[in-house]
Each structure stands twice: as C-alpha cells, then as structure tokens.
N, C-alpha and C. Protein backbone atom coordinates (compact mmCIF):
# COMPACT_ATOMS: atom_id res chain seq x y z
N MET A 1 41.20 -32.96 -58.12
CA MET A 1 40.46 -32.49 -59.29
C MET A 1 41.35 -31.62 -60.19
N HIS A 2 42.15 -30.75 -59.56
CA HIS A 2 42.98 -29.82 -60.31
C HIS A 2 43.92 -30.56 -61.26
N THR A 3 44.54 -31.65 -60.78
CA THR A 3 45.48 -32.42 -61.60
C THR A 3 44.76 -33.11 -62.74
N SER A 4 43.61 -33.71 -62.47
CA SER A 4 42.87 -34.39 -63.53
C SER A 4 42.29 -33.39 -64.53
N LEU A 5 41.88 -32.22 -64.06
CA LEU A 5 41.38 -31.19 -64.97
C LEU A 5 42.51 -30.69 -65.87
N LYS A 6 43.67 -30.47 -65.30
CA LYS A 6 44.81 -30.03 -66.11
C LYS A 6 45.13 -31.07 -67.18
N LYS A 7 45.16 -32.33 -66.79
CA LYS A 7 45.44 -33.40 -67.75
C LYS A 7 44.41 -33.40 -68.88
N LYS A 8 43.14 -33.27 -68.53
CA LYS A 8 42.06 -33.28 -69.51
C LYS A 8 42.18 -32.11 -70.49
N LEU A 9 42.43 -30.90 -69.97
CA LEU A 9 42.49 -29.72 -70.84
C LEU A 9 43.76 -29.70 -71.69
N VAL A 10 44.86 -30.21 -71.16
CA VAL A 10 46.08 -30.33 -71.97
C VAL A 10 45.83 -31.30 -73.12
N GLU A 11 45.16 -32.40 -72.84
CA GLU A 11 44.82 -33.37 -73.89
C GLU A 11 43.95 -32.72 -74.97
N LEU A 12 42.95 -31.95 -74.56
CA LEU A 12 42.07 -31.29 -75.52
C LEU A 12 42.83 -30.24 -76.33
N GLU A 13 43.69 -29.49 -75.67
CA GLU A 13 44.48 -28.46 -76.36
C GLU A 13 45.39 -29.09 -77.41
N LEU A 14 46.08 -30.15 -77.04
CA LEU A 14 46.97 -30.84 -77.98
C LEU A 14 46.18 -31.50 -79.11
N TYR A 15 45.00 -31.99 -78.78
CA TYR A 15 44.13 -32.59 -79.80
C TYR A 15 43.76 -31.56 -80.86
N LEU A 16 43.46 -30.34 -80.42
CA LEU A 16 43.11 -29.26 -81.36
C LEU A 16 44.27 -28.86 -82.27
N LEU A 17 45.48 -29.17 -81.88
CA LEU A 17 46.65 -28.84 -82.70
C LEU A 17 46.97 -29.90 -83.75
N LYS A 18 46.28 -31.04 -83.70
CA LYS A 18 46.54 -32.13 -84.64
C LYS A 18 45.94 -31.81 -86.02
N ALA A 19 46.70 -32.17 -87.05
CA ALA A 19 46.29 -31.86 -88.42
C ALA A 19 44.93 -32.46 -88.77
N ASP A 20 44.68 -33.71 -88.39
CA ASP A 20 43.42 -34.35 -88.77
C ASP A 20 42.22 -33.76 -88.04
N VAL A 21 42.44 -33.14 -86.90
CA VAL A 21 41.35 -32.48 -86.17
C VAL A 21 41.09 -31.11 -86.78
N ARG A 22 42.15 -30.41 -87.13
CA ARG A 22 42.03 -29.06 -87.67
C ARG A 22 41.32 -29.01 -89.03
N VAL A 23 41.27 -30.12 -89.74
CA VAL A 23 40.56 -30.16 -91.03
C VAL A 23 39.12 -30.66 -90.90
N SER A 24 38.72 -31.04 -89.70
CA SER A 24 37.39 -31.60 -89.48
C SER A 24 36.43 -30.56 -88.88
N VAL A 25 35.50 -30.10 -89.69
CA VAL A 25 34.51 -29.14 -89.20
C VAL A 25 33.72 -29.74 -88.03
N GLN A 26 33.42 -31.03 -88.10
CA GLN A 26 32.66 -31.69 -87.04
C GLN A 26 33.44 -31.71 -85.72
N GLU A 27 34.71 -32.05 -85.78
CA GLU A 27 35.53 -32.07 -84.56
C GLU A 27 35.67 -30.66 -83.99
N LEU A 28 35.97 -29.71 -84.84
CA LEU A 28 36.11 -28.32 -84.38
C LEU A 28 34.81 -27.81 -83.77
N ASP A 29 33.69 -28.14 -84.38
CA ASP A 29 32.40 -27.70 -83.88
C ASP A 29 32.15 -28.22 -82.47
N GLN A 30 32.59 -29.44 -82.19
CA GLN A 30 32.42 -30.03 -80.86
C GLN A 30 33.35 -29.40 -79.82
N LEU A 31 34.56 -29.03 -80.24
CA LEU A 31 35.58 -28.55 -79.31
C LEU A 31 35.54 -27.04 -79.06
N ILE A 32 34.92 -26.31 -79.96
CA ILE A 32 34.91 -24.85 -79.86
C ILE A 32 33.51 -24.37 -79.48
N HIS A 33 33.45 -23.58 -78.44
CA HIS A 33 32.20 -23.04 -77.92
C HIS A 33 31.58 -22.07 -78.94
N ASP A 34 30.26 -21.99 -78.97
CA ASP A 34 29.57 -21.09 -79.89
C ASP A 34 29.96 -19.63 -79.68
N ASP A 35 30.34 -19.25 -78.46
CA ASP A 35 30.72 -17.87 -78.15
C ASP A 35 32.23 -17.64 -78.25
N PHE A 36 32.94 -18.54 -78.89
CA PHE A 36 34.40 -18.47 -79.03
C PHE A 36 34.85 -17.18 -79.69
N ILE A 37 35.99 -16.67 -79.19
CA ILE A 37 36.68 -15.57 -79.84
C ILE A 37 38.17 -15.80 -79.71
N GLU A 38 38.91 -15.45 -80.75
CA GLU A 38 40.36 -15.57 -80.72
C GLU A 38 40.98 -14.24 -81.11
N PHE A 39 42.05 -13.88 -80.39
CA PHE A 39 42.90 -12.77 -80.78
C PHE A 39 44.14 -13.41 -81.37
N GLY A 40 44.29 -13.33 -82.68
CA GLY A 40 45.41 -13.95 -83.37
C GLY A 40 46.69 -13.15 -83.23
N SER A 41 47.80 -13.79 -83.54
CA SER A 41 49.10 -13.13 -83.44
C SER A 41 49.21 -11.97 -84.42
N SER A 42 48.37 -11.95 -85.44
CA SER A 42 48.35 -10.85 -86.41
C SER A 42 47.65 -9.62 -85.86
N GLY A 43 46.94 -9.79 -84.75
CA GLY A 43 46.16 -8.70 -84.19
C GLY A 43 44.70 -8.76 -84.57
N ALA A 44 44.35 -9.65 -85.49
CA ALA A 44 42.95 -9.81 -85.90
C ALA A 44 42.20 -10.66 -84.87
N SER A 45 40.91 -10.43 -84.77
CA SER A 45 40.09 -11.28 -83.91
C SER A 45 39.02 -11.94 -84.77
N PHE A 46 38.62 -13.13 -84.36
CA PHE A 46 37.61 -13.86 -85.11
C PHE A 46 36.89 -14.83 -84.19
N GLY A 47 35.73 -15.29 -84.64
CA GLY A 47 34.89 -16.16 -83.85
C GLY A 47 34.81 -17.56 -84.43
N LYS A 48 33.90 -18.34 -83.87
CA LYS A 48 33.76 -19.74 -84.26
C LYS A 48 33.41 -19.89 -85.74
N ARG A 49 32.53 -19.06 -86.24
CA ARG A 49 32.12 -19.17 -87.64
C ARG A 49 33.32 -19.05 -88.57
N GLU A 50 34.20 -18.09 -88.30
CA GLU A 50 35.40 -17.90 -89.13
C GLU A 50 36.35 -19.09 -89.01
N VAL A 51 36.48 -19.62 -87.79
CA VAL A 51 37.35 -20.79 -87.58
C VAL A 51 36.84 -21.97 -88.39
N LEU A 52 35.54 -22.24 -88.31
CA LEU A 52 34.98 -23.38 -89.04
C LEU A 52 35.07 -23.21 -90.55
N LYS A 53 35.07 -21.98 -91.01
CA LYS A 53 35.16 -21.71 -92.44
C LYS A 53 36.60 -21.80 -92.96
N HIS A 54 37.55 -21.25 -92.22
CA HIS A 54 38.91 -21.11 -92.73
C HIS A 54 39.91 -22.18 -92.26
N LEU A 55 39.83 -22.60 -91.00
CA LEU A 55 40.85 -23.51 -90.48
C LEU A 55 40.93 -24.84 -91.24
N PRO A 56 39.82 -25.47 -91.59
CA PRO A 56 39.92 -26.74 -92.33
C PRO A 56 40.59 -26.62 -93.70
N ARG A 57 40.65 -25.42 -94.25
CA ARG A 57 41.27 -25.20 -95.57
C ARG A 57 42.77 -24.93 -95.49
N GLU A 58 43.26 -24.60 -94.29
CA GLU A 58 44.67 -24.24 -94.13
C GLU A 58 45.55 -25.49 -94.05
N LYS A 59 46.77 -25.34 -94.53
CA LYS A 59 47.76 -26.41 -94.33
C LYS A 59 48.23 -26.30 -92.88
N CYS A 60 48.22 -27.42 -92.20
CA CYS A 60 48.51 -27.43 -90.77
C CYS A 60 50.00 -27.22 -90.50
N PRO A 61 50.33 -26.26 -89.64
CA PRO A 61 51.72 -26.09 -89.23
C PRO A 61 52.15 -27.23 -88.31
N GLU A 62 53.46 -27.34 -88.11
CA GLU A 62 53.99 -28.25 -87.09
C GLU A 62 53.99 -27.49 -85.78
N PHE A 63 53.39 -28.08 -84.75
CA PHE A 63 53.30 -27.45 -83.43
C PHE A 63 54.04 -28.28 -82.40
N SER A 64 54.56 -27.60 -81.40
CA SER A 64 54.94 -28.26 -80.15
C SER A 64 54.51 -27.32 -79.03
N ALA A 65 54.16 -27.90 -77.90
CA ALA A 65 53.66 -27.11 -76.78
C ALA A 65 54.26 -27.64 -75.48
N THR A 66 54.65 -26.72 -74.60
CA THR A 66 55.28 -27.08 -73.34
C THR A 66 54.85 -26.12 -72.23
N SER A 67 55.30 -26.43 -71.04
CA SER A 67 55.15 -25.55 -69.86
C SER A 67 53.69 -25.18 -69.58
N PHE A 68 52.84 -26.18 -69.56
CA PHE A 68 51.41 -25.94 -69.31
C PHE A 68 51.17 -25.55 -67.86
N GLU A 69 50.34 -24.54 -67.68
CA GLU A 69 49.87 -24.13 -66.35
C GLU A 69 48.36 -24.01 -66.42
N LEU A 70 47.70 -24.42 -65.35
CA LEU A 70 46.24 -24.33 -65.29
C LEU A 70 45.83 -23.35 -64.21
N ARG A 71 44.89 -22.49 -64.54
CA ARG A 71 44.25 -21.60 -63.57
C ARG A 71 42.77 -21.90 -63.60
N GLN A 72 42.25 -22.45 -62.53
CA GLN A 72 40.81 -22.73 -62.47
C GLN A 72 40.11 -21.46 -62.03
N LEU A 73 39.29 -20.90 -62.92
CA LEU A 73 38.64 -19.62 -62.66
C LEU A 73 37.30 -19.78 -61.96
N SER A 74 36.65 -20.90 -62.16
CA SER A 74 35.41 -21.25 -61.47
C SER A 74 35.23 -22.75 -61.64
N SER A 75 34.12 -23.30 -61.17
CA SER A 75 33.92 -24.75 -61.29
C SER A 75 33.78 -25.20 -62.74
N ASP A 76 33.36 -24.28 -63.63
CA ASP A 76 33.16 -24.67 -65.03
C ASP A 76 33.96 -23.83 -66.03
N VAL A 77 34.95 -23.08 -65.54
CA VAL A 77 35.80 -22.27 -66.42
C VAL A 77 37.25 -22.38 -65.95
N ALA A 78 38.15 -22.65 -66.91
CA ALA A 78 39.57 -22.77 -66.58
C ALA A 78 40.40 -22.17 -67.70
N GLN A 79 41.56 -21.66 -67.31
CA GLN A 79 42.49 -21.08 -68.27
C GLN A 79 43.74 -21.94 -68.35
N LEU A 80 44.15 -22.25 -69.56
CA LEU A 80 45.36 -23.03 -69.80
C LEU A 80 46.39 -22.10 -70.45
N LEU A 81 47.55 -21.99 -69.81
CA LEU A 81 48.65 -21.16 -70.31
C LEU A 81 49.78 -22.08 -70.73
N TYR A 82 50.45 -21.76 -71.84
CA TYR A 82 51.57 -22.59 -72.28
C TYR A 82 52.43 -21.86 -73.29
N ARG A 83 53.55 -22.48 -73.60
CA ARG A 83 54.47 -21.97 -74.63
C ARG A 83 54.34 -22.87 -75.84
N ALA A 84 54.39 -22.27 -77.03
CA ALA A 84 54.26 -23.06 -78.25
C ALA A 84 55.29 -22.63 -79.28
N THR A 85 55.68 -23.61 -80.09
CA THR A 85 56.46 -23.32 -81.28
C THR A 85 55.64 -23.77 -82.47
N MET A 86 55.83 -23.06 -83.57
CA MET A 86 55.06 -23.36 -84.77
C MET A 86 55.96 -23.14 -85.99
N LYS A 87 55.88 -24.08 -86.91
CA LYS A 87 56.58 -23.93 -88.19
C LYS A 87 55.56 -24.17 -89.29
N LYS A 88 55.31 -23.16 -90.11
CA LYS A 88 54.33 -23.27 -91.19
C LYS A 88 54.90 -24.09 -92.33
N PRO A 89 54.04 -24.80 -93.06
CA PRO A 89 54.50 -25.59 -94.20
C PRO A 89 55.25 -24.72 -95.21
N GLY A 90 56.38 -25.21 -95.67
CA GLY A 90 57.16 -24.50 -96.66
C GLY A 90 58.04 -23.38 -96.12
N GLU A 91 57.99 -23.16 -94.80
CA GLU A 91 58.82 -22.14 -94.17
C GLU A 91 59.89 -22.79 -93.32
N PHE A 92 60.99 -22.08 -93.14
CA PHE A 92 62.07 -22.59 -92.30
C PHE A 92 62.15 -21.85 -90.98
N ILE A 93 61.25 -20.91 -90.80
CA ILE A 93 61.23 -20.09 -89.59
C ILE A 93 60.39 -20.77 -88.51
N THR A 94 60.95 -20.87 -87.32
CA THR A 94 60.18 -21.34 -86.17
C THR A 94 59.66 -20.12 -85.43
N ARG A 95 58.36 -20.11 -85.20
CA ARG A 95 57.72 -19.00 -84.49
C ARG A 95 57.44 -19.45 -83.05
N TYR A 96 57.64 -18.55 -82.12
CA TYR A 96 57.45 -18.83 -80.70
C TYR A 96 56.31 -17.97 -80.19
N SER A 97 55.50 -18.53 -79.31
CA SER A 97 54.39 -17.76 -78.75
C SER A 97 54.05 -18.22 -77.34
N LEU A 98 53.48 -17.29 -76.60
CA LEU A 98 52.86 -17.58 -75.32
C LEU A 98 51.37 -17.70 -75.62
N ARG A 99 50.75 -18.75 -75.13
CA ARG A 99 49.35 -19.00 -75.48
C ARG A 99 48.47 -19.08 -74.24
N SER A 100 47.25 -18.64 -74.43
CA SER A 100 46.25 -18.66 -73.37
C SER A 100 44.93 -19.13 -73.97
N SER A 101 44.38 -20.18 -73.40
CA SER A 101 43.07 -20.68 -73.81
C SER A 101 42.16 -20.73 -72.60
N ILE A 102 40.94 -20.28 -72.78
CA ILE A 102 39.95 -20.41 -71.72
C ILE A 102 38.95 -21.46 -72.17
N TRP A 103 38.75 -22.44 -71.29
CA TRP A 103 37.85 -23.55 -71.54
C TRP A 103 36.65 -23.44 -70.61
N ARG A 104 35.49 -23.75 -71.15
CA ARG A 104 34.24 -23.70 -70.38
C ARG A 104 33.53 -25.04 -70.50
N LYS A 105 33.07 -25.53 -69.36
CA LYS A 105 32.32 -26.79 -69.36
C LYS A 105 30.85 -26.47 -69.59
N THR A 106 30.33 -26.98 -70.71
CA THR A 106 28.94 -26.74 -71.10
C THR A 106 28.29 -28.08 -71.40
N GLN A 107 27.18 -28.35 -70.75
CA GLN A 107 26.44 -29.60 -70.95
C GLN A 107 27.37 -30.82 -70.82
N GLY A 108 28.23 -30.78 -69.81
CA GLY A 108 29.07 -31.93 -69.49
C GLY A 108 30.35 -32.08 -70.29
N ARG A 109 30.63 -31.14 -71.21
CA ARG A 109 31.88 -31.27 -71.97
C ARG A 109 32.61 -29.93 -72.00
N TRP A 110 33.92 -30.01 -72.06
CA TRP A 110 34.76 -28.83 -72.11
C TRP A 110 34.90 -28.33 -73.54
N GLN A 111 34.73 -27.02 -73.72
CA GLN A 111 34.90 -26.39 -75.03
C GLN A 111 35.74 -25.12 -74.86
N MET A 112 36.55 -24.84 -75.87
CA MET A 112 37.36 -23.62 -75.85
C MET A 112 36.46 -22.44 -76.17
N ILE A 113 36.50 -21.43 -75.31
CA ILE A 113 35.68 -20.24 -75.51
C ILE A 113 36.53 -19.01 -75.86
N PHE A 114 37.84 -19.09 -75.60
CA PHE A 114 38.74 -17.98 -75.90
C PHE A 114 40.14 -18.52 -76.14
N HIS A 115 40.86 -17.89 -77.08
CA HIS A 115 42.26 -18.25 -77.31
C HIS A 115 43.03 -17.02 -77.77
N GLN A 116 44.26 -16.92 -77.28
CA GLN A 116 45.16 -15.87 -77.73
C GLN A 116 46.57 -16.42 -77.82
N GLY A 117 47.24 -16.13 -78.92
CA GLY A 117 48.64 -16.46 -79.08
C GLY A 117 49.42 -15.17 -79.26
N THR A 118 50.38 -14.94 -78.39
CA THR A 118 51.19 -13.73 -78.44
C THR A 118 52.62 -14.07 -78.82
N PRO A 119 53.11 -13.55 -79.93
CA PRO A 119 54.49 -13.85 -80.33
C PRO A 119 55.48 -13.43 -79.22
N CYS A 120 56.54 -14.20 -79.09
CA CYS A 120 57.55 -13.90 -78.08
C CYS A 120 58.93 -14.31 -78.60
N GLU A 121 59.94 -14.00 -77.84
CA GLU A 121 61.30 -14.39 -78.16
C GLU A 121 61.44 -15.90 -77.99
N PRO A 122 62.42 -16.49 -78.69
CA PRO A 122 62.66 -17.94 -78.51
C PRO A 122 62.92 -18.29 -77.05
N PHE A 123 62.48 -19.46 -76.65
CA PHE A 123 62.72 -19.91 -75.27
C PHE A 123 63.50 -21.20 -75.28
C-alpha cells in the first residue's frame, strides 16, 4: 500500500504543478481540501479561497520536483516531502525549496490540506 500511495500522491502533487491545472478553478477545487492552509515562502499564509481566487490569474512558473518521501500519518492522512526548483516567467533566477504537503483522503479521494515551501540553498 505504501508504494502505491506514494505513487498516487506524487502524481497528484505533480499534477497540481502543471500550468493547465493551476488555471482551472474546477481542478483546484477538486484537489484542494476545504480546510487547506499554506505557509508560503514569503511568510504569508492563505487558505483555499485565496488559492482559488489568485492562482488561476498567475503566470505559471517552471517547476521540477525530486527526492519524494512519503510519511503515512494515519490511514487517511499522508505527508509528501520533496525538493523543488522554480523559475518564474521573465526571471532568470532559479529558486530552490524544500516542500511539504499533507494530503487527506476525504470521501474516497485525496486532497491537499496543507502545503509549505521553504527556500533553501541550491541542491
């Protein structure tokens, strides 16, 4: 189960990083739990309502993600840890971060309930 759960959550995490998903309020609404909260790299925190309002309007950065680790916290809650690089449109700077997402299975589907990206040194 652990291997298949890791595969499933990595797929969902990577799906959320795709430009066509990030502009779709409907897709985001399905993937993000109503109780979602994020601690952004800027230090600001925001919930699902803010994500649905602002994320579809943003120009999508280029992302890559590696070194995924899964921690199963309970039968319906799991944490996905990974390293990410991001390059914003029009910028030449690559940003590096350590990321943590908590996924919760609700009514038979996995939804992200928490996310944090912490800037770090290049890896």
